[in-house]
Amino acid sequence: MRRVTLTQFLIEQQRKGLMGADLRLLIEVVARAVKAIAVNVSKGALAGVLGEAGSDNVQGEAQKKLDVIANDILIQANEWGGHLAAMASEEVEEIRPISGDYPKGAYLLLFDPLDGSSNIDVNISVGTIFSVLRCPEGVATPTEADFMQPGTAQVASGYSVYGPSTQLVLTVGDGVHGFTLDREMGSFIYTHPYMTIPEDTKEYAINGSNERFWEAPVQRYVRELRDGKEGPRGKDFNTRWVASMVADVHRILTRGGVFLYPLDSKMKDKGGKLRLMYEANPMAMIVEAAGGAATTGRERILDIQPTKLHQRVPVVLGSKNEVELVTRYHQEG
């Protein structure tokens, strides 16, 4: 059986007219950064990279050492390649324009360098999420305003998950494709073509400890799932919650399910928990390209017009029929 590498796959996508050379090279650079992050994650305590970094990110959350390392790897890998006009990280308050020392390209890159990093010290899967936008034409030095594009404007998005194997999942608009890192070869191999999410599921992921803070539609939905065969849904559901978004979404892409990080009374003033530009938009693009759905409970995530670089939103994504039901419960009040 012929083994197709990520580079070969991207060249084929380019030949189909789905991307240009610059976007192909940009994704390859991100993939190289992912490999470097995977090495650091896999070493763990052996490399002294576990634990707190002694600093907070822009959201006021304590940074892990690997948060900082992953962020630096992504910046250093991408700033000199000539494919970007600017980039933005969930860990940093302001955007990072490409230095005048390097050539500039036509794209904007956003990333969450190490999603789920609170799990790193206990050896649970974490990951990297990225999103690619076009830099508006005629813009020589991008500002934050140039990043304020809805999720529908994304030209590519993807994530990596660092688990028993390192996997890279991406979409450029023609389905969702998964790659597994062959550590001996040092290459990502195409292992999961056209990943799809079934419309129905019996699995849901939510942090049940927050139930008392949820809005009534979410309480109603989860209560019906827990009631199982004896309840209005007429079937039993299982709960799966990793508390690492990439791991939960990867499970959904692999076998179906629904993931909820809804609005609750603790986070209402912030708008939600997850970041629109770094987490919700790229994951929503992937989930929709795989046949699923992604909403805030009230509106399609990809239709939201961003107003802030670190804007937060509620997230409900996964198997289409479950997402639509949660959204309908919100509409009904």
Foldseek 3Di string as FASTA:
>chain_A
DDWAFLLNVLVVCVVVVLDPPLVSVQVVLVVLLQLVLLVVLVCPVVVPQFDFPPDQFPVRHTHGSSQVVLVVSSCVSRLAPQAAQWEEELRHAFIGGRDPVHHHHFKYKYKHRWFPSVCSNVQAKIKMKMWMATQDPPDNHDGQVSLQAFLVRTQKIWMWINHPWIKIWMDRLQAIWMWTQDVVVRTTTTDGPRQAAAQDDQEEEDDVVCLVFDDPLVVVLVVQQCCACVHPVNHHHYYDYRSGVVVVLVVLSHYWYKYWQADTPVCVVQAGDQFLNHPQSRSQSNQVSRVKAKDNLAGGSRPDRDDGPRRDHTIMIINHVSSVSSSVSSVVD
